[in-house]
Amino acid sequence: MDTTWSTHAFGLLIGTGLFATLAGCSTAAPKPAIASPTVAFGAATSDVPSECGLQGAPRVLAKNVAPMAGVTATAQGQHVWLRYTTTRSPRVAEKLDLTSLDAIVDDETPPPEDTLPTGPVVVGRPDRQRLVAWTEGTLYRGLHVKAATLDASSGAVGEPIDLGYQGSAFGYPAAAVTRAGEGVLAFIESNGTGFQIVAMRVVCDRR
């Protein structure tokens, strides 16, 4: 996994103070500590499609999730694998159809799992439009996953989007994109009775 360019992209973001501006759009008080982004791509830097953004509405993929174990996303071939833990399974490896986000059940061996995200994720090349997602808020007032589109100069394109679906987010979002430019952004969120996996499609166009 090559994250050199994505770390550079986040450096630009911090350098311009843009992340602070985006976070300031919310009235929520202190945010979680920011760390380097963790983005999984099934391609070398030169092959990563550009102009990345979210498509469709958030969708619940799994319930009865154990939040402390977190969620990871890994691209392999034309699919993305999510890994998470439920109250019935120590670690689920779920292969997703990237058009419908439906689970695919077959005999393919899952790829090695990537490390858990420890901060915001950046999807896209630093010289093109890209997507950044992070967790914002407090345990008392609620945590939400937010996303914003950045242009090539690290300026925000429109307002940040609150991806909150039903409850409060737990941990950081995870993302993975294939060579074809299709991927997933996933995160853990409470639902009143427990925790669930919420996901959205990521689409990157070569322009």
C-alpha atoms as a PDB file:
ATOM      1  CA  MET A   1       0.000   0.000   0.000  1.00  0.00           C
ATOM      2  CA  ASP A   2       1.466   3.391  -1.053  1.00  0.00           C
ATOM      3  CA  THR A   3       0.265   6.290   1.111  1.00  0.00           C
ATOM      4  CA  THR A   4       3.070   8.772   0.376  1.00  0.00           C
ATOM      5  CA  TRP A   5       0.935  11.020  -1.788  1.00  0.00           C
ATOM      6  CA  SER A   6      -2.080  10.841   0.524  1.00  0.00           C
ATOM      7  CA  THR A   7       0.009  11.893   3.522  1.00  0.00           C
ATOM      8  CA  HIS A   8       1.350  14.794   1.450  1.00  0.00           C
ATOM      9  CA  ALA A   9      -2.195  15.777   0.570  1.00  0.00           C
ATOM     10  CA  PHE A  10      -3.120  15.921   4.233  1.00  0.00           C
ATOM     11  CA  GLY A  11       0.009  17.956   4.916  1.00  0.00           C
ATOM     12  CA  LEU A  12      -1.203  20.544   2.430  1.00  0.00           C
ATOM     13  CA  LEU A  13      -4.540  20.542   4.156  1.00  0.00           C
ATOM     14  CA  ILE A  14      -3.031  21.261   7.551  1.00  0.00           C
ATOM     15  CA  GLY A  15      -0.564  23.746   6.093  1.00  0.00           C
ATOM     16  CA  THR A  16      -3.296  25.946   4.666  1.00  0.00           C
ATOM     17  CA  GLY A  17      -5.416  25.739   7.807  1.00  0.00           C
ATOM     18  CA  LEU A  18      -8.244  24.361   5.710  1.00  0.00           C
ATOM     19  CA  PHE A  19      -8.987  21.440   7.982  1.00  0.00           C
ATOM     20  CA  ALA A  20      -9.508  23.827  10.870  1.00  0.00           C
ATOM     21  CA  THR A  21     -11.838  25.875   8.688  1.00  0.00           C
ATOM     22  CA  LEU A  22     -13.849  22.837   7.716  1.00  0.00           C
ATOM     23  CA  ALA A  23     -14.072  21.623  11.287  1.00  0.00           C
ATOM     24  CA  GLY A  24     -15.143  25.106  12.331  1.00  0.00           C
ATOM     25  CA  CYS A  25     -18.327  24.723  10.322  1.00  0.00           C
ATOM     26  CA  SER A  26     -19.666  22.620  13.184  1.00  0.00           C
ATOM     27  CA  THR A  27     -20.712  23.890  16.606  1.00  0.00           C
ATOM     28  CA  ALA A  28     -19.356  20.721  18.226  1.00  0.00           C
ATOM     29  CA  ALA A  29     -16.566  21.329  20.725  1.00  0.00           C
ATOM     30  CA  PRO A  30     -13.132  19.685  20.808  1.00  0.00           C
ATOM     31  CA  LYS A  31     -12.551  17.107  18.116  1.00  0.00           C
ATOM     32  CA  PRO A  32     -10.587  13.852  18.302  1.00  0.00           C
ATOM     33  CA  ALA A  33      -6.834  14.139  17.868  1.00  0.00           C
ATOM     34  CA  ILE A  34      -5.812  14.258  14.199  1.00  0.00           C
ATOM     35  CA  ALA A  35      -3.320  11.739  12.898  1.00  0.00           C
ATOM     36  CA  SER A  36      -1.981  10.803   9.474  1.00  0.00           C
ATOM     37  CA  PRO A  37      -4.585   9.416   7.090  1.00  0.00           C
ATOM     38  CA  THR A  38      -4.886   5.726   6.315  1.00  0.00           C
ATOM     39  CA  VAL A  39      -6.115   5.072   2.786  1.00  0.00           C
ATOM     40  CA  ALA A  40      -5.943   1.699   1.038  1.00  0.00           C
ATOM     41  CA  PHE A  41      -5.592   1.688  -2.738  1.00  0.00           C
ATOM     42  CA  GLY A  42      -5.274  -1.326  -4.994  1.00  0.00           C
ATOM     43  CA  ALA A  43      -2.998   0.633  -7.318  1.00  0.00           C
ATOM     44  CA  ALA A  44       0.339   2.414  -7.487  1.00  0.00           C
ATOM     45  CA  THR A  45       0.257   6.191  -7.117  1.00  0.00           C
ATOM     46  CA  SER A  46       0.446   6.787 -10.882  1.00  0.00           C
ATOM     47  CA  ASP A  47      -2.549   4.520 -11.449  1.00  0.00           C
ATOM     48  CA  VAL A  48      -4.875   6.049  -8.848  1.00  0.00           C
ATOM     49  CA  PRO A  49      -7.825   7.736 -10.611  1.00  0.00           C
ATOM     50  CA  SER A  50      -8.455  11.384  -9.800  1.00  0.00           C
ATOM     51  CA  GLU A  51     -11.530  13.558  -9.158  1.00  0.00           C
ATOM     52  CA  CYS A  52     -12.879  11.486  -6.255  1.00  0.00           C
ATOM     53  CA  GLY A  53     -16.201  11.977  -4.500  1.00  0.00           C
ATOM     54  CA  LEU A  54     -19.082  10.251  -2.732  1.00  0.00           C
ATOM     55  CA  GLN A  55     -22.044   8.836  -4.601  1.00  0.00           C
ATOM     56  CA  GLY A  56     -25.463   7.780  -3.336  1.00  0.00           C
ATOM     57  CA  ALA A  57     -26.800   7.751   0.204  1.00  0.00           C
ATOM     58  CA  PRO A  58     -25.324   6.127   3.341  1.00  0.00           C
ATOM     59  CA  ARG A  59     -26.339   2.491   3.772  1.00  0.00           C
ATOM     60  CA  VAL A  60     -26.249   0.148   6.752  1.00  0.00           C
ATOM     61  CA  LEU A  61     -24.247  -2.970   5.869  1.00  0.00           C
ATOM     62  CA  ALA A  62     -24.141  -4.779   9.212  1.00  0.00           C
ATOM     63  CA  LYS A  63     -25.563  -4.552  12.725  1.00  0.00           C
ATOM     64  CA  ASN A  64     -24.534  -5.898  16.151  1.00  0.00           C
ATOM     65  CA  VAL A  65     -21.009  -4.588  15.542  1.00  0.00           C
ATOM     66  CA  ALA A  66     -18.341  -4.520  18.261  1.00  0.00           C
ATOM     67  CA  PRO A  67     -17.142  -0.890  18.049  1.00  0.00           C
ATOM     68  CA  MET A  68     -13.828  -1.242  19.869  1.00  0.00           C
ATOM     69  CA  ALA A  69     -12.515  -3.556  17.128  1.00  0.00           C
ATOM     70  CA  GLY A  70     -12.966  -0.881  14.458  1.00  0.00           C
ATOM     71  CA  VAL A  71     -13.465  -1.277  10.700  1.00  0.00           C
ATOM     72  CA  THR A  72     -10.893  -1.535   7.895  1.00  0.00           C
ATOM     73  CA  ALA A  73     -11.203  -1.438   4.108  1.00  0.00           C
ATOM     74  CA  THR A  74      -8.880  -3.142   1.607  1.00  0.00           C
ATOM     75  CA  ALA A  75      -9.043  -3.104  -2.202  1.00  0.00           C
ATOM     76  CA  GLN A  76      -8.311  -6.263  -4.173  1.00  0.00           C
ATOM     77  CA  GLY A  77      -9.035  -6.580  -7.887  1.00  0.00           C
ATOM     78  CA  GLN A  78     -12.427  -5.073  -8.658  1.00  0.00           C
ATOM     79  CA  HIS A  79     -13.746  -5.299  -5.112  1.00  0.00           C
ATOM     80  CA  VAL A  80     -13.264  -3.900  -1.633  1.00  0.00           C
ATOM     81  CA  TRP A  81     -13.192  -6.030   1.506  1.00  0.00           C
ATOM     82  CA  LEU A  82     -14.464  -4.666   4.807  1.00  0.00           C
ATOM     83  CA  ARG A  83     -13.365  -6.194   8.083  1.00  0.00           C
ATOM     84  CA  TYR A  84     -15.181  -5.687  11.361  1.00  0.00           C
ATOM     85  CA  THR A  85     -16.211  -7.634  14.442  1.00  0.00           C
ATOM     86  CA  THR A  86     -19.745  -8.503  15.545  1.00  0.00           C
ATOM     87  CA  THR A  87     -21.194  -9.951  18.715  1.00  0.00           C
ATOM     88  CA  ARG A  88     -21.284 -13.328  16.936  1.00  0.00           C
ATOM     89  CA  SER A  89     -18.103 -13.288  14.866  1.00  0.00           C
ATOM     90  CA  PRO A  90     -14.569 -12.384  15.998  1.00  0.00           C
ATOM     91  CA  ARG A  91     -13.673 -10.839  12.608  1.00  0.00           C
ATOM     92  CA  VAL A  92     -15.877 -10.643   9.524  1.00  0.00           C
ATOM     93  CA  ALA A  93     -14.229 -10.365   6.083  1.00  0.00           C
ATOM     94  CA  GLU A  94     -16.921  -9.076   3.733  1.00  0.00           C
ATOM     95  CA  LYS A  95     -16.390  -8.709  -0.013  1.00  0.00           C
ATOM     96  CA  LEU A  96     -18.499  -5.947  -1.549  1.00  0.00           C
ATOM     97  CA  ASP A  97     -20.034  -5.344  -4.943  1.00  0.00           C
ATOM     98  CA  LEU A  98     -19.032  -1.731  -5.541  1.00  0.00           C
ATOM     99  CA  THR A  99     -22.151  -0.827  -7.498  1.00  0.00           C
ATOM    100  CA  SER A 100     -24.744  -2.025  -4.993  1.00  0.00           C
ATOM    101  CA  LEU A 101     -22.590  -2.404  -1.832  1.00  0.00           C
ATOM    102  CA  ASP A 102     -24.151  -5.858  -1.476  1.00  0.00           C
ATOM    103  CA  ALA A 103     -22.020  -8.601   0.039  1.00  0.00           C
ATOM    104  CA  ILE A 104     -20.558 -11.178  -2.357  1.00  0.00           C
ATOM    105  CA  VAL A 105     -20.273 -14.742  -1.086  1.00  0.00           C
ATOM    106  CA  ASP A 106     -17.706 -16.847  -2.949  1.00  0.00           C
ATOM    107  CA  ASP A 107     -14.485 -18.788  -2.389  1.00  0.00           C
ATOM    108  CA  GLU A 108     -12.025 -15.945  -3.010  1.00  0.00           C
ATOM    109  CA  THR A 109      -9.347 -15.619  -0.355  1.00  0.00           C
ATOM    110  CA  PRO A 110      -9.503 -12.223   1.386  1.00  0.00           C
ATOM    111  CA  PRO A 111      -6.453  -9.952   1.058  1.00  0.00           C
ATOM    112  CA  PRO A 112      -4.341  -9.198   4.140  1.00  0.00           C
ATOM    113  CA  GLU A 113      -6.109  -6.752   6.422  1.00  0.00           C
ATOM    114  CA  ASP A 114      -4.869  -3.177   6.535  1.00  0.00           C
ATOM    115  CA  THR A 115      -4.230  -1.435   9.820  1.00  0.00           C
ATOM    116  CA  LEU A 116      -7.050   0.358  11.596  1.00  0.00           C
ATOM    117  CA  PRO A 117      -7.524   4.009  10.598  1.00  0.00           C
ATOM    118  CA  THR A 118      -6.026   6.393  13.147  1.00  0.00           C
ATOM    119  CA  GLY A 119      -7.138   9.697  11.670  1.00  0.00           C
ATOM    120  CA  PRO A 120      -8.800  11.367   8.667  1.00  0.00           C
ATOM    121  CA  VAL A 121      -8.752   9.600   5.308  1.00  0.00           C
ATOM    122  CA  VAL A 122      -7.874  11.304   2.018  1.00  0.00           C
ATOM    123  CA  VAL A 123      -9.030   9.743  -1.257  1.00  0.00           C
ATOM    124  CA  GLY A 124      -7.507  11.059  -4.481  1.00  0.00           C
ATOM    125  CA  ARG A 125      -4.246  12.528  -5.776  1.00  0.00           C
ATOM    126  CA  PRO A 126      -2.899  15.760  -4.243  1.00  0.00           C
ATOM    127  CA  ASP A 127      -2.798  17.477  -7.665  1.00  0.00           C
ATOM    128  CA  ARG A 128      -6.467  16.805  -8.398  1.00  0.00           C
ATOM    129  CA  GLN A 129      -9.879  17.075  -6.770  1.00  0.00           C
ATOM    130  CA  ARG A 130     -10.070  14.691  -3.832  1.00  0.00           C
ATOM    131  CA  LEU A 131     -12.187  13.664  -0.878  1.00  0.00           C
ATOM    132  CA  VAL A 132     -11.303  13.955   2.814  1.00  0.00           C
ATOM    133  CA  ALA A 133     -13.364  12.361   5.619  1.00  0.00           C
ATOM    134  CA  TRP A 134     -12.927  12.648   9.371  1.00  0.00           C
ATOM    135  CA  THR A 135     -14.699  12.152  12.713  1.00  0.00           C
ATOM    136  CA  GLU A 136     -15.787  15.315  14.512  1.00  0.00           C
ATOM    137  CA  GLY A 137     -17.498  16.100  17.819  1.00  0.00           C
ATOM    138  CA  THR A 138     -17.418  14.919  21.431  1.00  0.00           C
ATOM    139  CA  LEU A 139     -18.713  11.882  23.286  1.00  0.00           C
ATOM    140  CA  TYR A 140     -21.100  14.138  25.212  1.00  0.00           C
ATOM    141  CA  ARG A 141     -22.587  15.956  22.215  1.00  0.00           C
ATOM    142  CA  GLY A 142     -22.152  13.158  19.704  1.00  0.00           C
ATOM    143  CA  LEU A 143     -19.565  12.218  17.077  1.00  0.00           C
ATOM    144  CA  HIS A 144     -20.225  12.395  13.348  1.00  0.00           C
ATOM    145  CA  VAL A 145     -18.286  11.417  10.242  1.00  0.00           C
ATOM    146  CA  LYS A 146     -17.977  14.367   7.889  1.00  0.00           C
ATOM    147  CA  ALA A 147     -16.624  14.630   4.358  1.00  0.00           C
ATOM    148  CA  ALA A 148     -15.541  17.480   2.126  1.00  0.00           C
ATOM    149  CA  THR A 149     -14.332  17.750  -1.457  1.00  0.00           C
ATOM    150  CA  LEU A 150     -11.073  19.628  -2.035  1.00  0.00           C
ATOM    151  CA  ASP A 151      -9.835  21.114  -5.288  1.00  0.00           C
ATOM    152  CA  ALA A 152      -6.255  20.904  -6.581  1.00  0.00           C
ATOM    153  CA  SER A 153      -5.199  23.874  -4.436  1.00  0.00           C
ATOM    154  CA  SER A 154      -6.704  22.303  -1.268  1.00  0.00           C
ATOM    155  CA  GLY A 155      -9.675  24.658  -1.265  1.00  0.00           C
ATOM    156  CA  ALA A 156     -13.044  23.348  -0.157  1.00  0.00           C
ATOM    157  CA  VAL A 157     -15.583  22.715  -2.915  1.00  0.00           C
ATOM    158  CA  GLY A 158     -18.891  23.444  -1.192  1.00  0.00           C
ATOM    159  CA  GLU A 159     -19.697  22.793   2.462  1.00  0.00           C
ATOM    160  CA  PRO A 160     -18.650  19.673   4.419  1.00  0.00           C
ATOM    161  CA  ILE A 161     -21.261  16.896   4.398  1.00  0.00           C
ATOM    162  CA  ASP A 162     -22.418  15.293   7.648  1.00  0.00           C
ATOM    163  CA  LEU A 163     -22.634  11.557   6.941  1.00  0.00           C
ATOM    164  CA  GLY A 164     -24.402  10.797  10.226  1.00  0.00           C
ATOM    165  CA  TYR A 165     -27.060   8.185   9.588  1.00  0.00           C
ATOM    166  CA  GLN A 166     -28.794   7.286  12.842  1.00  0.00           C
ATOM    167  CA  GLY A 167     -26.555   7.908  15.840  1.00  0.00           C
ATOM    168  CA  SER A 168     -23.075   8.804  17.017  1.00  0.00           C
ATOM    169  CA  ALA A 169     -19.969   7.639  15.171  1.00  0.00           C
ATOM    170  CA  PHE A 170     -17.290   5.519  16.857  1.00  0.00           C
ATOM    171  CA  GLY A 171     -13.675   5.730  15.752  1.00  0.00           C
ATOM    172  CA  TYR A 172     -12.447   6.908  12.352  1.00  0.00           C
ATOM    173  CA  PRO A 173     -13.767   6.118   8.871  1.00  0.00           C
ATOM    174  CA  ALA A 174     -11.941   3.689   6.562  1.00  0.00           C
ATOM    175  CA  ALA A 175     -11.690   3.896   2.766  1.00  0.00           C
ATOM    176  CA  ALA A 176     -10.397   1.814  -0.127  1.00  0.00           C
ATOM    177  CA  VAL A 177     -10.509   2.363  -3.896  1.00  0.00           C
ATOM    178  CA  THR A 178      -9.732  -0.058  -6.756  1.00  0.00           C
ATOM    179  CA  ARG A 179      -7.697   0.598  -9.921  1.00  0.00           C
ATOM    180  CA  ALA A 180     -10.989   1.176 -11.725  1.00  0.00           C
ATOM    181  CA  GLY A 181     -11.773   4.099  -9.427  1.00  0.00           C
ATOM    182  CA  GLU A 182     -14.588   2.509  -7.434  1.00  0.00           C
ATOM    183  CA  GLY A 183     -14.489   2.159  -3.702  1.00  0.00           C
ATOM    184  CA  VAL A 184     -16.092   2.419  -0.293  1.00  0.00           C
ATOM    185  CA  LEU A 185     -16.049   4.768   2.677  1.00  0.00           C
ATOM    186  CA  ALA A 186     -17.192   2.948   5.830  1.00  0.00           C
ATOM    187  CA  PHE A 187     -17.555   3.800   9.510  1.00  0.00           C
ATOM    188  CA  ILE A 188     -19.113   2.525  12.746  1.00  0.00           C
ATOM    189  CA  GLU A 189     -22.143   4.306  14.190  1.00  0.00           C
ATOM    190  CA  SER A 190     -24.554   3.716  17.062  1.00  0.00           C
ATOM    191  CA  ASN A 191     -28.200   2.982  16.277  1.00  0.00           C
ATOM    192  CA  GLY A 192     -29.963   3.187  19.640  1.00  0.00           C
ATOM    193  CA  THR A 193     -29.658  -0.519  20.430  1.00  0.00           C
ATOM    194  CA  GLY A 194     -26.027  -1.126  19.504  1.00  0.00           C
ATOM    195  CA  PHE A 195     -23.594  -0.354  16.693  1.00  0.00           C
ATOM    196  CA  GLN A 196     -23.652  -0.814  12.939  1.00  0.00           C
ATOM    197  CA  ILE A 197     -21.474  -0.451   9.835  1.00  0.00           C
ATOM    198  CA  VAL A 198     -22.519   2.435   7.587  1.00  0.00           C
ATOM    199  CA  ALA A 199     -21.009   2.791   4.114  1.00  0.00           C
ATOM    200  CA  MET A 200     -21.108   4.979   1.024  1.00  0.00           C
ATOM    201  CA  ARG A 201     -19.779   4.499  -2.498  1.00  0.00           C
ATOM    202  CA  VAL A 202     -16.637   6.363  -3.566  1.00  0.00           C
ATOM    203  CA  VAL A 203     -16.216   7.057  -7.273  1.00  0.00           C
ATOM    204  CA  CYS A 204     -13.054   8.481  -8.844  1.00  0.00           C
ATOM    205  CA  ASP A 205     -13.003   9.632 -12.488  1.00  0.00           C
ATOM    206  CA  ARG A 206      -9.915  10.065 -14.660  1.00  0.00           C
ATOM    207  CA  ARG A 207     -10.074  13.639 -15.969  1.00  0.00           C
END
